[in-house]
């Protein structure tokens, strides 16, 4: 049969249109991760070796270590590495800029027509439970990189700073559009005994009264809606998103995560929950151990931010005992210092007490950095928290607290391929580093320094050790001399950790954690400290000669375009070196 030119032209146009539609469909398809086979990797802390098959963002199978792998998968040699589920940050304020609630949501008061004896219908200072973090979620490339480098795969981005701040969202930490990283758009409603802006309420009593009034308004709104639906007398109920969001809280559809550091505040939230029937959880939880029995009975989970305050020095510590003071310098009585240390240790050990009482808990960064959270987790383990309990709080427990236990927190078939391959145990070894991180099945390989010294070189020369207390004199061009004190500890491979303390002329005393390494006779040291809401970073490099180090420091000030450079000379207290390491040369 002969086809007309018009028919052939129509077919051609149809095929071109179909091809164009297909191209658009492929262009709009979401990115798809590669398929991976991770061979011979150790599963968990002290577990057996296995081969992991990762496909389409999921863990497809966990096989024997020597199992053959399917064709078409990218093979990663996992020998010498440990696979752990990526950690879950169960409470972070990153990625969510919380707006201040609109205080007055009714018609303006007519203050001249008559004297009013009742309050405004909608004074909503601090009240915005309808706000959703998922609508403003914004995680920068630097944010997600910092979480991945610390071993995290997901975080709960949370609103904060208001009595009812809104709902949080659970997101993974991969480089993608925000719409592609959201795991759960709405997880918790968030509450605190705080409210921004001026006017009532501005005290604890006022905050509690405002919350109670709002919850009573929610109950009244429910009754008005019920009556209106039945056709009973009464005006039409208002359309009010805040009251509707409050109803979800009181009905138990959404759990209320309540900020509370003190035991008294924890008890206040529990009493409010008993009065109004909402389901509470606690964030912060510094002193939650004091009411651990009640939390266990009521099954109230706690997300610990490990905010212990400035560490109180232990008066029994050898360095503290041997510390020399200037004649004019005052030292508190030993009993006072011992009591201050005891109270600090109580706050530090909260997780240990909660674990003993059977309270469910997880860890969250709050306003801190993920690497600082991991540092505090290791400090908890050194203080007596079981390492497997800590790992559970970061993985399975953390995933359960944010409602993602079927997706995150385990290396098991069917779970999301969100896991990290470590070159050591990150819970007990501060030098352990991630080699690979998989987030939603997308791989991120980390650059690993050659295992020679801590800095990638040959390590310290024989007999070189910077352990001890150092006095640092700094001199910049055209500046008055300044002074700092540094306390350092050095490992055999040259890794250095410690603290750096200084006082800004006319300003506050400041202290920072520092880390670095010694390569040959060269010391490299870096750290950062916060000045208000700004961060100051610095680096010192110098040549070691016995109990003296001479070199250069660079300070990056957020308000300066170029780093400030100074020369320094550090002198070690001869009695502070570690004699077992040969610290005093």
Protein backbone atom coordinates (compact mmCIF):
# COMPACT_ATOMS: atom_id res chain seq x y z
CA UNK A 1 0.00 0.00 0.00
CA UNK A 2 1.35 3.39 -0.98
CA UNK A 3 1.38 6.07 1.70
CA UNK A 4 0.83 9.68 0.78
CA UNK A 5 3.54 12.28 1.50
CA UNK A 6 1.14 13.93 3.94
CA UNK A 7 0.79 10.68 5.95
CA UNK A 8 4.56 10.18 6.04
CA UNK A 9 5.02 13.76 7.20
CA UNK A 10 2.47 13.28 9.98
CA UNK A 11 4.27 10.12 11.18
CA UNK A 12 7.57 11.94 11.15
CA UNK A 13 6.13 14.77 13.28
CA UNK A 14 4.63 12.26 15.70
CA UNK A 15 7.94 10.44 16.11
CA UNK A 16 9.80 13.71 16.63
CA UNK A 17 7.27 14.79 19.26
CA UNK A 18 7.56 11.45 21.05
CA UNK A 19 11.36 11.65 20.92
CA UNK A 20 11.25 15.19 22.27
CA UNK A 21 8.94 14.15 25.13
CA UNK A 22 11.21 11.21 25.95
CA UNK A 23 14.27 13.49 26.04
CA UNK A 24 12.51 15.87 28.40
CA UNK A 25 11.51 12.98 30.65
CA UNK A 26 15.10 11.76 30.86
CA UNK A 27 16.35 15.29 31.46
CA UNK A 28 13.94 15.67 34.38
CA UNK A 29 14.71 12.27 35.91
CA UNK A 30 16.44 12.47 39.31
CA UNK A 31 20.15 11.60 39.46
CA UNK A 32 20.78 7.90 39.98
CA UNK A 33 23.69 6.57 42.07
CA UNK A 34 26.10 4.00 40.70
CA UNK A 35 25.92 0.38 41.78
CA UNK A 36 28.77 -0.53 44.16
CA UNK A 37 30.32 -3.68 45.56
CA UNK A 38 32.29 -3.06 48.75
CA UNK A 39 34.45 -6.16 49.22
CA UNK A 40 36.00 -7.52 52.40
CA UNK A 41 34.91 -4.73 54.74
CA UNK A 42 34.49 -5.31 58.48
CA UNK A 43 30.87 -4.90 59.56
CA UNK A 44 30.55 -2.89 62.75
CA UNK A 45 32.91 -2.75 65.71
CA UNK A 46 34.73 -6.08 65.80
CA UNK A 47 32.33 -7.73 63.35
CA UNK A 48 32.99 -10.20 60.55
CA UNK A 49 34.12 -9.25 57.07
CA UNK A 50 31.48 -9.06 54.35
CA UNK A 51 30.77 -7.77 50.87
CA UNK A 52 28.06 -5.11 50.48
CA UNK A 53 26.01 -4.65 47.32
CA UNK A 54 24.61 -1.14 46.96
CA UNK A 55 22.16 -0.38 44.19
CA UNK A 56 19.64 2.41 43.51
CA UNK A 57 20.41 4.03 46.85
CA UNK A 58 19.61 0.90 48.87
CA UNK A 59 21.60 -1.91 50.45
CA UNK A 60 20.69 -4.76 48.13
CA UNK A 61 22.57 -7.56 49.87
CA UNK A 62 25.14 -8.38 52.54
CA UNK A 63 27.26 -11.30 51.28
CA UNK A 64 30.21 -13.37 52.42
CA UNK A 65 33.53 -11.55 52.21
CA UNK A 66 34.78 -13.69 49.31
CA UNK A 67 31.49 -13.73 47.39
CA UNK A 68 31.64 -12.93 43.70
CA UNK A 69 30.17 -9.58 42.75
CA UNK A 70 27.72 -8.89 39.94
CA UNK A 71 28.95 -7.45 36.68
CA UNK A 72 28.32 -3.78 36.20
CA UNK A 73 29.08 -2.73 39.78
CA UNK A 74 31.96 -0.52 40.78
CA UNK A 75 34.21 -2.47 43.13
CA UNK A 76 35.69 -0.87 46.26
CA UNK A 77 38.32 -2.71 48.26
CA UNK A 78 37.16 -2.57 51.87
CA UNK A 79 40.06 -4.51 53.37
CA UNK A 80 41.27 -2.81 56.54
CA UNK A 81 38.17 -0.62 56.74
CA UNK A 82 35.20 -0.73 59.09
CA UNK A 83 31.66 -0.16 57.81
CA UNK A 84 29.32 1.63 60.23
CA UNK A 85 25.86 3.01 59.60
CA UNK A 86 26.15 6.74 59.01
CA UNK A 87 25.40 8.62 62.22
CA UNK A 88 22.10 10.45 62.70
CA UNK A 89 22.17 13.95 64.17
CA UNK A 90 18.84 13.83 66.01
CA UNK A 91 18.64 17.56 66.76
CA UNK A 92 20.36 20.36 64.88
CA UNK A 93 19.47 24.00 64.29
CA UNK A 94 21.43 24.05 61.02
CA UNK A 95 19.54 24.66 57.79
CA UNK A 96 16.53 26.32 59.39
CA UNK A 97 16.22 30.09 59.88
CA UNK A 98 13.30 30.40 62.29
CA UNK A 99 11.16 33.50 61.71
CA UNK A 100 9.62 35.46 64.56
CA UNK A 101 5.90 34.76 64.88
CA UNK A 102 3.34 37.41 63.98
CA UNK A 103 2.14 38.46 67.42
CA UNK A 104 -1.32 39.90 66.65
CA UNK A 105 -3.44 37.77 64.34
CA UNK A 106 -6.84 39.34 64.94
CA UNK A 107 -8.36 42.74 64.17
CA UNK A 108 -6.69 45.75 65.85
CA UNK A 109 -8.15 46.75 69.19
CA UNK A 110 -10.36 49.87 69.21
CA UNK A 111 -8.83 51.62 72.19
CA UNK A 112 -11.04 54.73 72.12
CA UNK A 113 -14.59 53.37 71.83
CA UNK A 114 -14.82 51.76 75.24
CA UNK A 115 -12.85 50.15 78.02
CA UNK A 116 -11.99 46.51 77.22
CA UNK A 117 -12.08 43.96 80.01
CA UNK A 118 -11.00 40.92 77.97
CA UNK A 119 -7.73 40.03 76.26
CA UNK A 120 -7.12 39.94 72.53
CA UNK A 121 -8.36 36.85 70.76
CA UNK A 122 -5.02 35.94 69.21
CA UNK A 123 -1.95 37.16 71.05
CA UNK A 124 0.52 34.76 69.46
CA UNK A 125 3.88 35.96 70.69
CA UNK A 126 6.20 32.94 70.46
CA UNK A 127 3.45 30.77 68.91
CA UNK A 128 3.82 29.42 65.37
CA UNK A 129 3.40 25.62 65.35
CA UNK A 130 2.33 25.75 61.68
CA UNK A 131 5.82 26.84 60.54
CA UNK A 132 7.65 24.03 58.69
CA UNK A 133 11.42 23.76 58.45
CA UNK A 134 11.03 21.85 55.18
CA UNK A 135 9.74 25.04 53.53
CA UNK A 136 12.96 26.95 54.28
CA UNK A 137 15.52 24.12 54.41
CA UNK A 138 18.90 25.42 53.25
CA UNK A 139 22.06 23.38 53.83
CA UNK A 140 25.22 24.80 52.29
CA UNK A 141 27.91 22.69 50.65
CA UNK A 142 30.15 23.43 53.64
CA UNK A 143 27.44 22.26 56.05
CA UNK A 144 26.89 18.88 54.45
CA UNK A 145 30.62 18.33 53.98
CA UNK A 146 31.26 18.92 57.70
CA UNK A 147 28.61 16.37 58.65
CA UNK A 148 29.92 13.75 56.21
CA UNK A 149 33.51 14.20 57.40
CA UNK A 150 32.35 13.52 60.96
CA UNK A 151 30.55 10.34 59.86
CA UNK A 152 26.97 11.64 59.75
CA UNK A 153 24.49 10.81 57.03
CA UNK A 154 21.37 12.66 58.17
CA UNK A 155 20.33 15.50 60.44
CA UNK A 156 17.10 16.80 61.93
CA UNK A 157 16.89 20.45 60.87
CA UNK A 158 14.90 22.09 63.65
CA UNK A 159 13.27 25.48 64.26
CA UNK A 160 14.02 27.00 67.65
CA UNK A 161 13.86 30.04 69.90
CA UNK A 162 10.08 30.23 70.34
CA UNK A 163 7.46 28.73 72.64
CA UNK A 164 6.13 26.71 69.72
CA UNK A 165 8.62 27.19 66.89
CA UNK A 166 7.23 24.84 64.23
CA UNK A 167 8.07 21.39 62.88
CA UNK A 168 11.47 19.94 61.99
CA UNK A 169 12.48 18.01 58.88
CA UNK A 170 14.86 15.06 58.48
CA UNK A 171 17.33 15.45 55.63
CA UNK A 172 20.37 13.57 54.38
CA UNK A 173 23.71 15.28 53.88
CA UNK A 174 24.49 14.86 50.22
CA UNK A 175 25.08 17.49 47.58
CA UNK A 176 21.68 17.80 45.96
CA UNK A 177 18.64 20.02 45.71
CA UNK A 178 16.76 20.28 48.99
CA UNK A 179 13.78 18.45 47.48
CA UNK A 180 16.02 15.41 46.92
CA UNK A 181 17.50 15.15 50.43
CA UNK A 182 14.32 15.25 52.54
CA UNK A 183 13.64 11.91 54.24
CA UNK A 184 10.71 13.00 56.44
CA UNK A 185 9.23 16.47 55.85
CA UNK A 186 7.64 16.79 59.31
CA UNK A 187 9.10 14.99 62.32
CA UNK A 188 8.66 16.89 65.60
CA UNK A 189 6.87 20.01 66.74
CA UNK A 190 9.38 22.07 68.73
CA UNK A 191 8.89 23.95 71.98
CA UNK A 192 10.96 25.96 74.45
CA UNK A 193 10.46 28.31 77.36
CA UNK A 194 11.56 31.20 75.15
CA UNK A 195 9.93 33.82 72.94
CA UNK A 196 11.42 36.53 70.76
CA UNK A 197 10.34 40.15 70.74
CA UNK A 198 9.26 42.58 73.42
CA UNK A 199 6.18 42.57 75.61
CA UNK A 200 4.24 39.80 77.29
CA UNK A 201 5.27 37.07 77.84
CA UNK A 202 8.89 37.57 78.87
CA UNK A 203 9.24 35.45 82.05
CA UNK A 204 9.01 31.76 82.79
CA UNK A 205 5.63 32.24 84.44
CA UNK A 206 4.41 34.15 81.39
CA UNK A 207 5.76 31.51 78.98
CA UNK A 208 3.91 28.72 80.76
CA UNK A 209 0.72 30.81 80.92
CA UNK A 210 0.96 31.59 77.20
CA UNK A 211 1.35 27.89 76.33
CA UNK A 212 -1.56 26.92 78.57
CA UNK A 213 -3.77 29.62 77.03
CA UNK A 214 -2.91 28.47 73.51
CA UNK A 215 -3.63 24.82 74.31
CA UNK A 216 -6.96 25.83 75.88
CA UNK A 217 -7.70 27.84 72.72
CA UNK A 218 -7.02 24.71 70.67
CA UNK A 219 -9.52 22.73 72.74
CA UNK A 220 -12.10 25.53 72.41
CA UNK A 221 -11.51 25.68 68.64
CA UNK A 222 -12.13 21.94 68.39
CA UNK A 223 -15.43 22.32 70.25
CA UNK A 224 -16.54 25.20 68.03
CA UNK A 225 -15.78 23.16 64.91
CA UNK A 226 -17.68 20.16 66.27
CA UNK A 227 -20.73 22.27 67.09
CA UNK A 228 -20.63 24.03 63.72
CA UNK A 229 -20.41 20.68 61.87
CA UNK A 230 -23.52 19.51 63.76
CA UNK A 231 -25.44 22.64 62.79
CA UNK A 232 -25.76 23.83 66.38
CA UNK A 233 -26.05 27.54 67.29
CA UNK A 234 -22.85 29.58 67.19
CA UNK A 235 -20.68 31.58 64.84
CA UNK A 236 -18.52 29.97 62.16
CA UNK A 237 -15.10 29.02 63.63
CA UNK A 238 -12.14 31.00 62.25
CA UNK A 239 -9.66 29.57 59.80
CA UNK A 240 -6.51 29.35 61.95
CA UNK A 241 -3.46 27.35 60.87
CA UNK A 242 -1.83 27.71 64.29
CA UNK A 243 -4.82 26.18 66.08
CA UNK A 244 -4.95 23.36 63.54
CA UNK A 245 -1.23 22.66 64.09
CA UNK A 246 -1.86 22.80 67.84
CA UNK A 247 -4.59 20.21 67.46
CA UNK A 248 -2.09 17.82 65.84
CA UNK A 249 0.14 18.27 68.92
CA UNK A 250 -2.62 17.69 71.48
CA UNK A 251 -4.00 14.70 69.58
CA UNK A 252 -0.59 13.03 69.65
CA UNK A 253 -0.25 12.96 65.86
CA UNK A 254 2.94 15.01 66.20
CA UNK A 255 5.30 14.61 69.14
CA UNK A 256 6.50 17.77 70.91
CA UNK A 257 10.29 18.01 71.30
CA UNK A 258 10.82 20.32 74.26
CA UNK A 259 14.08 22.17 74.96
CA UNK A 260 15.15 21.58 78.56
CA UNK A 261 18.61 21.53 80.11
CA UNK A 262 17.63 21.55 83.81
CA UNK A 263 15.71 18.85 85.62
CA UNK A 264 13.12 21.44 86.72
CA UNK A 265 12.36 22.33 83.11
CA UNK A 266 12.05 18.65 82.20
CA UNK A 267 9.50 18.24 85.00
CA UNK A 268 7.60 21.34 83.83
CA UNK A 269 7.20 19.88 80.34
CA UNK A 270 6.08 16.55 81.75
CA UNK A 271 3.43 18.26 83.91
CA UNK A 272 2.16 20.25 80.92
CA UNK A 273 1.97 17.03 78.89
CA UNK A 274 -0.04 15.35 81.65
CA UNK A 275 -2.44 18.31 81.76
CA UNK A 276 -3.02 18.58 78.01
CA UNK A 277 -2.24 15.09 76.77
CA UNK A 278 0.56 15.75 74.26
CA UNK A 279 3.50 13.36 73.81
CA UNK A 280 6.75 14.96 75.01
CA UNK A 281 10.38 14.37 74.11
CA UNK A 282 13.34 16.31 75.50
CA UNK A 283 16.20 18.04 73.67
CA UNK A 284 19.30 19.31 75.46
CA UNK A 285 18.84 17.19 78.58
CA UNK A 286 21.97 18.22 80.48
CA UNK A 287 20.43 17.38 83.90
CA UNK A 288 17.85 14.86 82.68
CA UNK A 289 19.59 12.15 84.73
CA UNK A 290 18.03 13.64 87.86
CA UNK A 291 14.57 12.56 86.65
CA UNK A 292 15.71 9.45 84.77
CA UNK A 293 13.28 7.13 86.57
CA UNK A 294 10.29 9.25 85.54
CA UNK A 295 11.52 9.52 81.96
CA UNK A 296 11.94 5.74 81.80
CA UNK A 297 8.44 5.02 83.17
CA UNK A 298 6.79 7.49 80.78
CA UNK A 299 9.02 6.41 77.86
CA UNK A 300 10.10 9.97 77.12
CA UNK A 301 13.09 9.97 74.71
CA UNK A 302 15.92 12.44 75.22
CA UNK A 303 18.17 13.97 72.56
CA UNK A 304 21.38 14.96 74.34
CA UNK A 305 23.32 17.91 72.93
CA UNK A 306 26.23 17.26 75.34
CA UNK A 307 26.40 20.92 76.36
CA UNK A 308 28.34 20.59 79.61
CA UNK A 309 29.69 24.11 79.87
CA UNK A 310 33.35 24.98 80.29
CA UNK A 311 35.26 22.06 81.74
CA UNK A 312 36.26 22.55 85.35
CA UNK A 313 39.88 21.58 85.92
CA UNK A 314 40.44 18.56 88.11
CA UNK A 315 42.44 19.69 91.18
CA UNK A 316 43.82 16.15 91.45
CA UNK A 317 45.29 16.29 87.97
CA UNK A 318 49.08 16.24 88.03
CA UNK A 319 49.42 19.26 85.77
CA UNK A 320 46.89 21.22 87.80
CA UNK A 321 48.66 20.38 91.05
CA UNK A 322 52.06 21.38 89.66
CA UNK A 323 50.81 24.53 87.95
CA UNK A 324 52.81 27.54 89.05
CA UNK A 325 51.00 30.79 89.79
CA UNK A 326 52.25 34.35 89.81
CA UNK A 327 52.43 35.92 93.25
CA UNK A 328 49.36 38.08 92.58
CA UNK A 329 47.27 35.32 90.97
CA UNK A 330 44.37 34.02 93.09
CA UNK A 331 43.52 30.33 93.24
CA UNK A 332 40.23 29.13 94.68
CA UNK A 333 40.40 26.75 97.66
CA UNK A 334 40.87 23.13 96.62
CA UNK A 335 37.49 22.13 98.11
CA UNK A 336 35.73 24.69 95.88
CA UNK A 337 37.59 23.51 92.80
CA UNK A 338 36.83 19.88 93.66
CA UNK A 339 33.10 20.64 94.02
CA UNK A 340 33.09 22.55 90.73
CA UNK A 341 34.72 19.54 89.06
CA UNK A 342 32.20 17.14 90.64
CA UNK A 343 29.24 19.15 89.31
CA UNK A 344 30.79 19.30 85.83
CA UNK A 345 31.32 15.53 85.83
CA UNK A 346 27.67 15.03 86.83
CA UNK A 347 26.57 16.93 83.75
CA UNK A 348 29.05 15.06 81.56
CA UNK A 349 27.90 11.67 82.82
CA UNK A 350 24.19 12.26 82.15
CA UNK A 351 24.15 9.77 79.26
CA UNK A 352 25.69 7.10 81.49
CA UNK A 353 22.96 7.58 84.12
CA UNK A 354 20.20 7.58 81.48
CA UNK A 355 21.57 4.36 80.02
CA UNK A 356 21.58 2.72 83.45
CA UNK A 357 17.94 3.79 83.99
CA UNK A 358 16.79 2.44 80.62
CA UNK A 359 15.91 5.84 79.11
CA UNK A 360 15.94 6.02 75.31
CA UNK A 361 18.38 8.67 74.13
CA UNK A 362 20.14 9.90 71.02
CA UNK A 363 22.70 12.63 70.30
CA UNK A 364 22.24 15.96 68.54
CA UNK A 365 24.55 18.85 67.75
CA UNK A 366 22.14 21.68 68.57
CA UNK A 367 24.24 24.73 67.72
CA UNK A 368 27.57 22.86 67.85
CA UNK A 369 29.67 21.36 65.08
CA UNK A 370 29.42 17.63 64.30
CA UNK A 371 33.13 17.06 65.01
CA UNK A 372 32.67 18.63 68.46
CA UNK A 373 29.76 16.30 69.18
CA UNK A 374 31.92 13.29 68.29
CA UNK A 375 34.71 14.61 70.51
CA UNK A 376 32.28 14.73 73.43
CA UNK A 377 30.94 11.26 72.64
CA UNK A 378 34.50 9.91 72.89
CA UNK A 379 34.92 11.76 76.21
CA UNK A 380 31.75 10.03 77.46
CA UNK A 381 33.14 6.65 76.47
CA UNK A 382 36.38 7.39 78.30
CA UNK A 383 34.27 8.33 81.34
CA UNK A 384 32.47 4.97 81.31
CA UNK A 385 29.68 4.94 78.70
CA UNK A 386 29.68 1.64 76.84
CA UNK A 387 30.95 2.22 73.30
CA UNK A 388 28.21 0.03 71.79
CA UNK A 389 25.57 2.03 73.67
CA UNK A 390 27.07 5.23 72.27
CA UNK A 391 27.08 3.73 68.76
CA UNK A 392 23.42 2.77 69.17
CA UNK A 393 22.53 6.33 70.19
CA UNK A 394 24.22 7.59 67.01
CA UNK A 395 22.72 4.97 64.67
CA UNK A 396 19.75 2.71 65.46
CA UNK A 397 18.62 4.77 68.44
CA UNK A 398 19.04 8.05 66.61
CA UNK A 399 17.14 6.73 63.59
CA UNK A 400 14.30 5.50 65.81
CA UNK A 401 14.03 8.83 67.64
CA UNK A 402 13.53 10.67 64.33
CA UNK A 403 11.17 8.02 62.95
CA UNK A 404 13.49 6.65 60.26
CA UNK A 405 14.42 3.27 61.73
CA UNK A 406 13.31 1.48 58.54
CA UNK A 407 15.63 3.62 56.43
CA UNK A 408 18.66 4.62 58.47
CA UNK A 409 20.84 3.38 61.32
CA UNK A 410 21.56 -0.17 60.12
CA UNK A 411 23.60 -1.95 57.49
CA UNK A 412 20.96 -4.42 56.37
CA UNK A 413 19.23 -5.32 53.09
CA UNK A 414 16.43 -2.90 52.32
CA UNK A 415 17.87 -0.01 54.29
CA UNK A 416 19.12 3.11 52.54
CA UNK A 417 22.74 2.95 51.42
CA UNK A 418 23.80 5.60 53.94
CA UNK A 419 26.96 4.32 55.62
CA UNK A 420 30.60 5.20 56.21
CA UNK A 421 33.82 3.22 55.76
CA UNK A 422 36.32 4.12 58.49
CA UNK A 423 40.04 3.45 58.76
CA UNK A 424 39.64 2.94 62.54
CA UNK A 425 37.07 3.05 65.32
CA UNK A 426 35.69 6.61 65.46
CA UNK A 427 34.22 6.01 68.93
CA UNK A 428 37.49 5.23 70.65
CA UNK A 429 40.18 6.55 68.30
CA UNK A 430 40.23 10.30 67.72
CA UNK A 431 42.55 9.76 64.75
CA UNK A 432 40.09 7.52 62.90
CA UNK A 433 39.08 9.05 59.57
CA UNK A 434 36.39 8.19 57.03
CA UNK A 435 37.69 6.72 53.78
CA UNK A 436 34.31 6.59 52.03
CA UNK A 437 30.86 7.94 52.85
CA UNK A 438 27.73 6.76 51.07
CA UNK A 439 24.67 8.97 51.40
CA UNK A 440 21.51 7.78 49.63
CA UNK A 441 23.87 5.51 47.68
CA UNK A 442 25.98 8.41 46.37
CA UNK A 443 29.66 7.89 47.15
CA UNK A 444 32.08 10.46 48.58
CA UNK A 445 35.73 9.42 48.72
CA UNK A 446 37.97 11.23 51.20
CA UNK A 447 41.59 12.05 50.57
CA UNK A 448 43.73 10.00 52.93
CA UNK A 449 47.23 11.01 53.92
CA UNK A 450 49.98 8.44 53.65
CA UNK A 451 50.29 6.58 56.91
CA UNK A 452 53.68 7.81 57.99
CA UNK A 453 53.29 10.53 60.53
CA UNK A 454 50.18 12.34 61.68
CA UNK A 455 50.85 15.08 59.14
CA UNK A 456 51.59 12.73 56.27
CA UNK A 457 55.37 13.07 56.64
CA UNK A 458 57.89 10.91 58.45
CA UNK A 459 56.75 11.92 61.92
CA UNK A 460 58.82 13.55 64.66
CA UNK A 461 62.58 13.18 64.87
CA UNK A 462 63.85 10.94 67.62
CA UNK A 463 63.73 12.65 71.01
CA UNK A 464 61.36 15.44 69.86
CA UNK A 465 58.23 15.81 71.95
CA UNK A 466 56.12 18.94 72.52
CA UNK A 467 54.10 17.56 75.43
CA UNK A 468 53.86 20.12 78.21
CA UNK A 469 52.79 23.64 79.16
CA UNK A 470 54.09 26.44 76.97
CA UNK A 471 54.13 30.21 77.36
CA UNK A 472 53.83 31.89 73.95
CA UNK A 473 55.02 35.47 73.34
CA UNK A 474 53.62 36.98 70.13
CA UNK A 475 54.81 40.12 68.37
CA UNK A 476 53.21 41.69 65.30
CA UNK A 477 54.57 44.58 63.29
CA UNK A 478 53.50 47.84 64.90
CA UNK A 479 51.66 46.00 67.68
CA UNK A 480 52.19 45.63 71.39
CA UNK A 481 53.44 42.19 72.50
CA UNK A 482 50.77 39.71 73.59
CA UNK A 483 50.92 36.41 75.41
CA UNK A 484 49.16 33.04 75.32
CA UNK A 485 49.49 29.74 77.12
CA UNK A 486 49.36 26.38 75.37
CA UNK A 487 49.07 22.91 76.89
CA UNK A 488 49.97 20.11 74.45
CA UNK A 489 50.05 16.35 74.29
CA UNK A 490 51.84 14.47 71.52
CA UNK A 491 51.35 10.89 70.32
CA UNK A 492 54.14 8.69 69.03
CA UNK A 493 53.22 9.40 65.40
CA UNK A 494 53.46 13.14 65.99
CA UNK A 495 49.74 13.89 66.38
CA UNK A 496 49.30 16.84 68.74
CA UNK A 497 46.21 17.96 70.67
CA UNK A 498 45.76 20.51 73.41
CA UNK A 499 44.34 23.86 74.46
CA UNK A 500 45.28 27.44 73.60
CA UNK A 501 44.39 30.24 76.03
CA UNK A 502 44.77 33.97 75.56
CA UNK A 503 43.19 37.27 76.53
CA UNK A 504 42.20 39.88 73.96
CA UNK A 505 43.54 43.31 75.04
CA UNK A 506 40.60 45.04 76.65
CA UNK A 507 38.44 41.98 75.98
CA UNK A 508 37.59 38.56 77.38
CA UNK A 509 39.74 35.56 78.13
CA UNK A 510 39.41 32.97 75.36
CA UNK A 511 40.28 29.29 75.11
CA UNK A 512 40.33 26.99 72.09
CA UNK A 513 41.06 23.35 71.39
CA UNK A 514 44.01 22.91 69.03
CA UNK A 515 45.32 20.02 66.99
CA UNK A 516 48.17 19.43 64.63
CA UNK A 517 51.32 17.40 64.22
CA UNK A 518 55.09 17.35 64.46
CA UNK A 519 57.08 16.41 61.38
CA UNK A 520 60.81 16.26 62.02
CA UNK A 521 61.39 19.31 64.21
CA UNK A 522 58.51 21.35 62.75
CA UNK A 523 55.27 21.92 64.67
CA UNK A 524 52.02 22.77 62.88
CA UNK A 525 49.10 23.69 65.10
CA UNK A 526 45.62 25.05 64.29
CA UNK A 527 42.41 25.90 66.10
CA UNK A 528 39.42 28.20 66.23
CA UNK A 529 37.58 30.22 68.84
CA UNK A 530 34.29 32.08 68.88
CA UNK A 531 33.96 35.80 69.50
CA UNK A 532 30.25 36.46 69.83
CA UNK A 533 28.66 34.94 66.73
CA UNK A 534 31.90 35.10 64.72
CA UNK A 535 34.66 32.53 64.37
CA UNK A 536 38.39 33.28 64.54
CA UNK A 537 40.73 30.64 63.12
CA UNK A 538 44.48 30.53 63.59
CA UNK A 539 47.55 28.46 62.72
CA UNK A 540 51.02 28.30 64.26
CA UNK A 541 54.07 26.81 62.58
CA UNK A 542 57.47 26.75 64.20
CA UNK A 543 60.78 24.99 64.67
CA UNK A 544 61.29 23.00 67.88
CA UNK A 545 64.58 23.18 69.73
CA UNK A 546 64.39 21.56 73.16
CA UNK A 547 62.10 23.63 75.35
CA UNK A 548 61.76 26.45 72.81
CA UNK A 549 59.69 26.85 69.63
CA UNK A 550 60.11 29.80 67.29
CA UNK A 551 57.93 30.50 64.31
CA UNK A 552 54.99 32.36 62.82
CA UNK A 553 51.28 32.57 63.61
CA UNK A 554 48.49 33.48 61.21
CA UNK A 555 45.09 34.62 62.47
CA UNK A 556 42.06 34.84 60.17
CA UNK A 557 39.70 37.52 61.44
CA UNK A 558 36.20 37.53 59.88
CA UNK A 559 36.32 41.31 59.39
CA UNK A 560 39.79 41.34 57.73
CA UNK A 561 40.53 40.49 54.10
CA UNK A 562 44.04 39.16 54.82
CA UNK A 563 45.27 37.02 57.75
CA UNK A 564 47.19 38.79 60.50
CA UNK A 565 50.76 37.47 60.74
CA UNK A 566 52.87 37.55 63.90
CA UNK A 567 56.15 36.06 65.04
CA UNK A 568 56.13 34.00 68.19
CA UNK A 569 58.50 32.36 70.65
CA UNK A 570 57.18 29.63 72.95
CA UNK A 571 58.95 28.45 76.09
CA UNK A 572 58.04 25.22 77.90
CA UNK A 573 57.76 24.89 81.64
CA UNK A 574 60.53 22.32 82.31
CA UNK A 575 58.43 20.55 84.96
CA UNK A 576 55.42 20.07 82.69
CA UNK A 577 56.90 17.67 80.13
CA UNK A 578 56.02 13.99 80.11
CA UNK A 579 59.13 12.29 81.45
CA UNK A 580 57.94 8.88 80.19
CA UNK A 581 57.97 10.26 76.64
CA UNK A 582 61.15 12.19 77.10
CA UNK A 583 59.24 15.46 76.84
CA UNK A 584 61.90 17.48 78.65
CA UNK A 585 64.97 17.63 76.43
